[in-house]
N, C-alpha and C. Protein backbone atom coordinates (compact mmCIF):
# COMPACT_ATOMS: atom_id res chain seq x y z
N MET A 1 123.92 123.88 60.09
CA MET A 1 123.00 122.82 59.71
C MET A 1 123.83 121.60 59.32
N ASN A 2 123.50 120.44 59.85
CA ASN A 2 124.28 119.26 59.53
C ASN A 2 123.88 118.69 58.17
N ASN A 3 124.69 117.75 57.68
CA ASN A 3 124.49 117.19 56.34
C ASN A 3 123.16 116.47 56.18
N VAL A 4 122.69 115.78 57.21
CA VAL A 4 121.43 115.03 57.12
C VAL A 4 120.27 116.00 56.92
N LYS A 5 120.23 117.07 57.70
CA LYS A 5 119.16 118.06 57.56
C LYS A 5 119.23 118.75 56.20
N LEU A 6 120.43 119.04 55.74
CA LEU A 6 120.61 119.68 54.45
C LEU A 6 120.13 118.77 53.32
N LYS A 7 120.44 117.48 53.41
CA LYS A 7 119.99 116.52 52.39
C LYS A 7 118.47 116.41 52.38
N LYS A 8 117.86 116.38 53.55
CA LYS A 8 116.39 116.31 53.62
C LYS A 8 115.76 117.55 53.01
N LEU A 9 116.31 118.71 53.30
CA LEU A 9 115.81 119.96 52.73
C LEU A 9 115.96 119.98 51.22
N LEU A 10 117.09 119.51 50.73
CA LEU A 10 117.33 119.43 49.30
C LEU A 10 116.34 118.47 48.65
N ASN A 11 116.10 117.31 49.25
CA ASN A 11 115.15 116.34 48.70
C ASN A 11 113.74 116.91 48.63
N ILE A 12 113.32 117.64 49.65
CA ILE A 12 111.99 118.26 49.64
C ILE A 12 111.91 119.30 48.53
N SER A 13 112.94 120.11 48.37
CA SER A 13 112.96 121.13 47.33
C SER A 13 112.90 120.51 45.94
N ILE A 14 113.65 119.44 45.74
CA ILE A 14 113.64 118.76 44.44
C ILE A 14 112.27 118.17 44.17
N ARG A 15 111.65 117.57 45.17
CA ARG A 15 110.32 116.98 45.02
C ARG A 15 109.30 118.05 44.59
N ILE A 16 109.34 119.21 45.21
CA ILE A 16 108.43 120.30 44.86
C ILE A 16 108.67 120.75 43.42
N CYS A 17 109.93 120.87 43.03
CA CYS A 17 110.25 121.28 41.67
C CYS A 17 109.78 120.25 40.64
N ILE A 18 109.87 118.96 40.97
CA ILE A 18 109.40 117.93 40.05
C ILE A 18 107.90 118.04 39.83
N VAL A 19 107.16 118.29 40.89
CA VAL A 19 105.71 118.45 40.75
C VAL A 19 105.40 119.62 39.82
N PHE A 20 106.07 120.75 40.02
CA PHE A 20 105.86 121.90 39.13
C PHE A 20 106.23 121.55 37.69
N LEU A 21 107.34 120.85 37.51
CA LEU A 21 107.77 120.48 36.18
C LEU A 21 106.75 119.59 35.49
N LEU A 22 106.24 118.62 36.18
CA LEU A 22 105.29 117.72 35.56
C LEU A 22 103.94 118.39 35.32
N CYS A 23 103.57 119.34 36.16
CA CYS A 23 102.38 120.16 35.86
C CYS A 23 102.61 120.92 34.56
N PHE A 24 103.82 121.40 34.38
CA PHE A 24 104.19 122.07 33.14
C PHE A 24 104.00 121.12 31.95
N CYS A 25 104.47 119.90 32.08
CA CYS A 25 104.35 118.93 30.99
C CYS A 25 102.89 118.62 30.67
N ILE A 26 102.07 118.48 31.68
CA ILE A 26 100.65 118.23 31.47
C ILE A 26 100.02 119.39 30.72
N ALA A 27 100.31 120.60 31.15
CA ALA A 27 99.74 121.78 30.49
C ALA A 27 100.21 121.88 29.05
N CYS A 28 101.48 121.59 28.80
CA CYS A 28 102.01 121.65 27.44
C CYS A 28 101.38 120.60 26.54
N SER A 29 101.09 119.44 27.08
CA SER A 29 100.49 118.39 26.26
C SER A 29 99.09 118.78 25.83
N LYS A 30 98.42 119.63 26.62
CA LYS A 30 97.08 120.07 26.28
C LYS A 30 97.09 121.28 25.37
N GLN A 31 98.10 122.16 25.49
CA GLN A 31 98.11 123.42 24.77
C GLN A 31 98.94 123.38 23.50
N GLY A 32 99.78 122.43 23.32
CA GLY A 32 100.73 122.46 22.22
C GLY A 32 101.94 123.26 22.68
N LEU A 33 103.11 122.69 22.58
CA LEU A 33 104.29 123.29 23.15
C LEU A 33 105.00 124.18 22.15
N ASN A 34 105.29 125.40 22.57
CA ASN A 34 106.19 126.28 21.84
C ASN A 34 106.93 127.12 22.87
N ASN A 35 107.85 127.97 22.41
CA ASN A 35 108.68 128.67 23.39
C ASN A 35 107.88 129.62 24.27
N LYS A 36 106.82 130.24 23.74
CA LYS A 36 105.99 131.13 24.56
C LYS A 36 105.23 130.33 25.62
N THR A 37 104.64 129.20 25.21
CA THR A 37 103.92 128.35 26.16
C THR A 37 104.87 127.87 27.26
N PHE A 38 106.05 127.42 26.86
CA PHE A 38 107.04 126.97 27.83
C PHE A 38 107.35 128.07 28.84
N THR A 39 107.67 129.26 28.34
CA THR A 39 108.03 130.38 29.22
C THR A 39 106.89 130.75 30.15
N ASP A 40 105.68 130.87 29.61
CA ASP A 40 104.52 131.24 30.43
C ASP A 40 104.28 130.23 31.55
N ILE A 41 104.31 128.96 31.21
CA ILE A 41 103.99 127.93 32.20
C ILE A 41 105.06 127.83 33.28
N VAL A 42 106.33 127.83 32.88
CA VAL A 42 107.37 127.68 33.90
C VAL A 42 107.41 128.90 34.82
N GLU A 43 107.17 130.09 34.27
CA GLU A 43 107.19 131.27 35.13
C GLU A 43 106.00 131.29 36.10
N LYS A 44 104.87 130.77 35.69
CA LYS A 44 103.71 130.68 36.59
C LYS A 44 103.96 129.70 37.73
N ASN A 45 104.91 128.78 37.54
CA ASN A 45 105.21 127.77 38.55
C ASN A 45 106.53 128.03 39.25
N ASP A 46 106.88 129.30 39.39
CA ASP A 46 108.06 129.73 40.16
C ASP A 46 109.39 129.26 39.59
N PHE A 47 109.43 128.97 38.31
CA PHE A 47 110.70 128.76 37.64
C PHE A 47 111.07 130.07 36.97
N VAL A 48 112.34 130.28 36.73
CA VAL A 48 112.79 131.49 36.06
C VAL A 48 113.54 131.07 34.81
N VAL A 49 113.17 131.65 33.67
CA VAL A 49 113.91 131.40 32.44
C VAL A 49 115.19 132.23 32.54
N THR A 50 116.31 131.55 32.71
CA THR A 50 117.57 132.25 32.98
C THR A 50 118.46 132.37 31.76
N ASP A 51 118.21 131.57 30.74
CA ASP A 51 119.09 131.58 29.59
C ASP A 51 118.28 131.32 28.34
N ILE A 52 118.45 132.18 27.35
CA ILE A 52 117.82 131.99 26.05
C ILE A 52 118.93 132.12 25.02
N SER A 53 119.06 131.13 24.16
CA SER A 53 120.08 131.22 23.12
C SER A 53 119.50 130.72 21.81
N ALA A 54 120.00 131.28 20.72
CA ALA A 54 119.56 130.87 19.39
C ALA A 54 120.78 130.72 18.51
N SER A 55 120.70 129.79 17.57
CA SER A 55 121.80 129.62 16.63
C SER A 55 121.79 130.80 15.65
N GLY A 56 122.91 131.02 14.99
CA GLY A 56 123.03 132.15 14.07
C GLY A 56 122.00 132.15 12.96
N ASP A 57 121.65 130.97 12.47
CA ASP A 57 120.67 130.90 11.39
C ASP A 57 119.24 130.76 11.92
N LYS A 58 119.08 130.88 13.22
CA LYS A 58 117.78 130.81 13.89
C LYS A 58 117.08 129.46 13.70
N SER A 59 117.87 128.42 13.44
CA SER A 59 117.28 127.09 13.28
C SER A 59 117.09 126.39 14.62
N GLU A 60 117.68 126.96 15.68
CA GLU A 60 117.56 126.34 17.01
C GLU A 60 117.39 127.42 18.07
N LEU A 61 116.46 127.18 18.97
CA LEU A 61 116.25 128.03 20.13
C LEU A 61 116.35 127.14 21.37
N THR A 62 117.11 127.56 22.35
CA THR A 62 117.24 126.81 23.60
C THR A 62 116.85 127.70 24.76
N LEU A 63 116.00 127.20 25.63
CA LEU A 63 115.63 127.91 26.85
C LEU A 63 116.01 127.04 28.04
N LEU A 64 116.49 127.68 29.07
CA LEU A 64 116.79 126.99 30.32
C LEU A 64 115.97 127.63 31.41
N ALA A 65 115.15 126.83 32.08
CA ALA A 65 114.36 127.32 33.21
C ALA A 65 114.90 126.69 34.48
N VAL A 66 115.05 127.49 35.51
CA VAL A 66 115.65 127.03 36.75
C VAL A 66 114.69 127.23 37.91
N GLY A 67 114.50 126.16 38.69
CA GLY A 67 113.75 126.25 39.93
C GLY A 67 114.74 126.29 41.08
N ASN A 68 114.32 125.97 42.27
CA ASN A 68 115.23 126.02 43.42
C ASN A 68 116.44 125.11 43.24
N HIS A 69 116.20 123.86 42.89
CA HIS A 69 117.30 122.91 42.72
C HIS A 69 117.09 122.06 41.47
N TYR A 70 116.46 122.61 40.47
CA TYR A 70 116.04 121.81 39.33
C TYR A 70 116.11 122.62 38.06
N GLN A 71 116.47 121.98 36.96
CA GLN A 71 116.53 122.67 35.68
C GLN A 71 115.71 121.93 34.64
N ILE A 72 115.14 122.69 33.72
CA ILE A 72 114.39 122.14 32.60
C ILE A 72 114.99 122.72 31.33
N TYR A 73 115.33 121.88 30.39
CA TYR A 73 115.83 122.35 29.11
C TYR A 73 114.74 122.18 28.06
N TYR A 74 114.53 123.23 27.28
CA TYR A 74 113.57 123.21 26.19
C TYR A 74 114.33 123.55 24.91
N TYR A 75 114.15 122.73 23.89
CA TYR A 75 114.80 122.96 22.60
C TYR A 75 113.71 123.07 21.54
N GLU A 76 113.82 124.07 20.69
CA GLU A 76 112.88 124.23 19.58
C GLU A 76 113.69 124.38 18.30
N PHE A 77 113.29 123.63 17.28
CA PHE A 77 114.01 123.64 16.01
C PHE A 77 113.05 124.01 14.89
N THR A 78 113.61 124.40 13.74
CA THR A 78 112.76 124.75 12.61
C THR A 78 112.24 123.52 11.89
N ASN A 79 112.83 122.37 12.14
CA ASN A 79 112.31 121.15 11.51
C ASN A 79 112.44 119.96 12.44
N LYS A 80 111.67 118.94 12.15
CA LYS A 80 111.62 117.76 13.00
C LYS A 80 112.92 116.97 12.98
N ASN A 81 113.63 116.97 11.84
CA ASN A 81 114.89 116.23 11.76
C ASN A 81 115.92 116.76 12.76
N ALA A 82 115.98 118.07 12.91
CA ALA A 82 116.91 118.66 13.87
C ALA A 82 116.51 118.29 15.30
N ALA A 83 115.22 118.26 15.57
CA ALA A 83 114.74 117.85 16.90
C ALA A 83 115.10 116.39 17.16
N GLU A 84 114.93 115.54 16.15
CA GLU A 84 115.31 114.12 16.27
C GLU A 84 116.79 113.98 16.58
N LYS A 85 117.60 114.80 15.93
CA LYS A 85 119.04 114.76 16.15
C LYS A 85 119.38 115.12 17.60
N GLN A 86 118.73 116.15 18.14
CA GLN A 86 118.96 116.54 19.54
C GLN A 86 118.50 115.44 20.49
N TYR A 87 117.35 114.85 20.19
CA TYR A 87 116.81 113.74 20.98
C TYR A 87 117.83 112.60 21.05
N LYS A 88 118.37 112.23 19.89
CA LYS A 88 119.35 111.13 19.83
C LYS A 88 120.64 111.50 20.56
N LEU A 89 121.04 112.77 20.45
CA LEU A 89 122.24 113.23 21.15
C LEU A 89 122.07 113.14 22.66
N LEU A 90 120.92 113.56 23.18
CA LEU A 90 120.66 113.46 24.61
C LEU A 90 120.63 112.00 25.07
N LYS A 91 120.00 111.13 24.26
CA LYS A 91 119.99 109.71 24.59
C LYS A 91 121.41 109.15 24.64
N LYS A 92 122.18 109.48 23.62
CA LYS A 92 123.54 108.95 23.51
C LYS A 92 124.42 109.42 24.67
N SER A 93 124.28 110.67 25.07
CA SER A 93 125.12 111.19 26.15
C SER A 93 124.88 110.42 27.44
N TYR A 94 123.65 110.03 27.70
CA TYR A 94 123.38 109.25 28.91
C TYR A 94 123.85 107.82 28.76
N THR A 95 123.66 107.24 27.59
CA THR A 95 124.08 105.86 27.38
C THR A 95 125.59 105.73 27.51
N ASN A 96 126.33 106.71 27.00
CA ASN A 96 127.79 106.62 27.02
C ASN A 96 128.40 106.97 28.37
N ASN A 97 127.79 107.87 29.11
CA ASN A 97 128.46 108.42 30.29
C ASN A 97 128.03 107.83 31.63
N LYS A 98 126.89 107.22 31.72
CA LYS A 98 126.40 106.83 33.03
C LYS A 98 126.68 105.38 33.40
N GLY A 99 126.86 104.51 32.41
CA GLY A 99 127.16 103.12 32.70
C GLY A 99 126.07 102.38 33.46
N ASN A 100 125.96 101.09 33.26
CA ASN A 100 125.02 100.23 33.98
C ASN A 100 123.61 100.82 34.04
N LEU A 101 123.07 101.13 32.86
CA LEU A 101 121.77 101.79 32.78
C LEU A 101 120.64 100.83 32.46
N ASN A 102 119.47 101.19 32.91
CA ASN A 102 118.24 100.59 32.43
C ASN A 102 117.60 101.67 31.56
N ASP A 103 117.07 101.29 30.42
CA ASP A 103 116.45 102.31 29.60
C ASP A 103 115.26 101.75 28.83
N THR A 104 114.41 102.66 28.37
CA THR A 104 113.24 102.28 27.60
C THR A 104 112.86 103.45 26.71
N GLU A 105 112.34 103.14 25.54
CA GLU A 105 111.88 104.18 24.63
C GLU A 105 110.47 103.82 24.20
N LYS A 106 109.57 104.81 24.22
CA LYS A 106 108.18 104.58 23.85
C LYS A 106 107.64 105.74 23.04
N SER A 107 106.60 105.45 22.27
CA SER A 107 105.87 106.48 21.54
C SER A 107 104.41 106.38 21.90
N LYS A 108 103.78 107.53 22.12
CA LYS A 108 102.37 107.53 22.48
C LYS A 108 101.81 108.94 22.31
N ASN A 109 100.61 109.06 21.81
CA ASN A 109 99.90 110.34 21.73
C ASN A 109 100.72 111.47 21.10
N GLY A 110 101.48 111.17 20.06
CA GLY A 110 102.25 112.20 19.38
C GLY A 110 103.59 112.53 20.02
N TYR A 111 103.88 111.94 21.16
CA TYR A 111 105.17 112.15 21.83
C TYR A 111 106.00 110.90 21.68
N LYS A 112 107.31 111.09 21.66
CA LYS A 112 108.23 109.98 21.83
C LYS A 112 109.06 110.35 23.04
N TYR A 113 109.36 109.39 23.88
CA TYR A 113 110.19 109.70 25.03
C TYR A 113 111.14 108.56 25.34
N TYR A 114 112.22 108.93 25.97
CA TYR A 114 113.27 107.99 26.34
C TYR A 114 113.54 108.18 27.83
N LYS A 115 113.43 107.09 28.58
CA LYS A 115 113.70 107.13 30.02
C LYS A 115 114.96 106.33 30.30
N VAL A 116 115.79 106.87 31.16
CA VAL A 116 117.02 106.18 31.52
C VAL A 116 117.24 106.35 33.02
N PHE A 117 117.70 105.28 33.65
CA PHE A 117 117.94 105.36 35.09
C PHE A 117 118.97 104.32 35.52
N ASN A 118 119.59 104.61 36.65
CA ASN A 118 120.44 103.65 37.34
C ASN A 118 120.26 103.88 38.83
N ASP A 119 121.23 103.54 39.64
CA ASP A 119 121.09 103.70 41.09
C ASP A 119 121.02 105.15 41.53
N ASN A 120 121.47 106.07 40.70
CA ASN A 120 121.57 107.47 41.10
C ASN A 120 120.67 108.43 40.34
N ILE A 121 120.41 108.16 39.08
CA ILE A 121 119.77 109.16 38.23
C ILE A 121 118.54 108.63 37.52
N TYR A 122 117.61 109.51 37.26
CA TYR A 122 116.42 109.19 36.47
C TYR A 122 116.18 110.35 35.53
N SER A 123 116.22 110.10 34.24
CA SER A 123 116.08 111.16 33.25
C SER A 123 115.07 110.76 32.20
N VAL A 124 114.39 111.76 31.67
CA VAL A 124 113.43 111.55 30.59
C VAL A 124 113.65 112.63 29.55
N VAL A 125 113.67 112.23 28.28
CA VAL A 125 113.74 113.17 27.16
C VAL A 125 112.47 112.99 26.36
N TYR A 126 111.73 114.09 26.15
CA TYR A 126 110.52 114.07 25.33
C TYR A 126 110.81 114.69 23.98
N ILE A 127 110.15 114.20 22.94
CA ILE A 127 110.19 114.87 21.65
C ILE A 127 108.78 114.88 21.10
N SER A 128 108.39 116.02 20.56
CA SER A 128 107.09 116.16 19.90
C SER A 128 107.27 117.17 18.78
N ASN A 129 107.03 116.73 17.56
CA ASN A 129 107.24 117.59 16.39
C ASN A 129 108.66 118.14 16.39
N ASN A 130 108.80 119.46 16.48
CA ASN A 130 110.15 120.04 16.43
C ASN A 130 110.64 120.54 17.79
N ASN A 131 110.09 119.97 18.88
CA ASN A 131 110.46 120.39 20.23
C ASN A 131 111.00 119.22 21.04
N CYS A 132 111.96 119.52 21.91
CA CYS A 132 112.48 118.54 22.88
C CYS A 132 112.42 119.17 24.26
N VAL A 133 112.11 118.36 25.27
CA VAL A 133 112.18 118.78 26.66
C VAL A 133 112.99 117.73 27.40
N PHE A 134 113.96 118.18 28.18
CA PHE A 134 114.83 117.28 28.93
C PHE A 134 114.60 117.47 30.42
N ILE A 135 114.34 116.37 31.13
CA ILE A 135 114.05 116.36 32.56
C ILE A 135 115.00 115.36 33.21
N SER A 136 115.60 115.74 34.33
CA SER A 136 116.48 114.81 35.03
C SER A 136 116.40 115.04 36.53
N SER A 137 116.49 113.96 37.30
CA SER A 137 116.42 114.07 38.75
C SER A 137 117.15 112.88 39.36
N THR A 138 117.21 112.87 40.68
CA THR A 138 117.74 111.69 41.35
C THR A 138 116.70 110.59 41.26
N VAL A 139 117.14 109.37 41.34
CA VAL A 139 116.25 108.22 41.19
C VAL A 139 115.21 108.15 42.31
N ASN A 140 115.43 108.84 43.41
CA ASN A 140 114.48 108.84 44.53
C ASN A 140 113.09 109.31 44.11
N TYR A 141 112.99 110.10 43.05
CA TYR A 141 111.71 110.69 42.64
C TYR A 141 111.09 110.00 41.43
N ARG A 142 111.60 108.83 41.11
CA ARG A 142 111.12 108.10 39.94
C ARG A 142 109.61 107.82 40.02
N ASN A 143 109.11 107.37 41.16
CA ASN A 143 107.69 107.04 41.27
C ASN A 143 106.80 108.26 41.07
N GLU A 144 107.20 109.41 41.62
CA GLU A 144 106.41 110.63 41.42
C GLU A 144 106.39 111.03 39.94
N ILE A 145 107.55 110.94 39.29
CA ILE A 145 107.62 111.28 37.87
C ILE A 145 106.75 110.33 37.06
N ASP A 146 106.86 109.02 37.32
CA ASP A 146 106.07 108.04 36.57
C ASP A 146 104.57 108.23 36.79
N GLY A 147 104.16 108.55 38.03
CA GLY A 147 102.74 108.77 38.31
C GLY A 147 102.17 109.91 37.50
N LEU A 148 102.93 110.99 37.40
CA LEU A 148 102.45 112.12 36.61
C LEU A 148 102.58 111.88 35.11
N LEU A 149 103.55 111.06 34.70
CA LEU A 149 103.66 110.71 33.28
C LEU A 149 102.42 109.93 32.83
N LYS A 150 101.85 109.13 33.73
CA LYS A 150 100.61 108.41 33.41
C LYS A 150 99.49 109.39 33.10
N LYS A 151 99.42 110.48 33.86
CA LYS A 151 98.40 111.49 33.60
C LYS A 151 98.59 112.14 32.24
N LEU A 152 99.84 112.20 31.78
CA LEU A 152 100.13 112.73 30.46
C LEU A 152 99.84 111.72 29.35
N GLY A 153 99.61 110.47 29.71
CA GLY A 153 99.43 109.43 28.71
C GLY A 153 100.74 108.97 28.10
N LEU A 154 101.84 109.17 28.82
CA LEU A 154 103.16 108.84 28.30
C LEU A 154 103.77 107.61 28.96
N ASN A 155 103.00 106.90 29.75
CA ASN A 155 103.59 105.77 30.45
C ASN A 155 102.71 104.54 30.36
């Protein structure tokens, strides 16, 4: 298979995974997000929770769900301050490492989110209470992500 066909196949797979991911976000916004809700929804949408880790004092739980070519990170903390710290850390890592970024931060309907993008990448970090969800993709899918974010009331 040549590189052009492989890239097209990869783009289609990523697009499908983004739709599943955003369906997950819509469902979580209606149900209230916790680790069980996250696991149930991603598994119903053909994602597999491949990694679960917790800190020694059980103040942090991290889940990683993997689709065909896409990953979703879910962080749950015992308090909102720890979630805020993770949110700021994710924001900072993109600001420092990607260079030449456009970014925006908004609050709406109990969520706060940070979007960052450049010529190659489009990422969104959500925070609600003591939970964070991190989503990232190539910039090619920005319009699809934004369209579904509107349905969530986050755009």
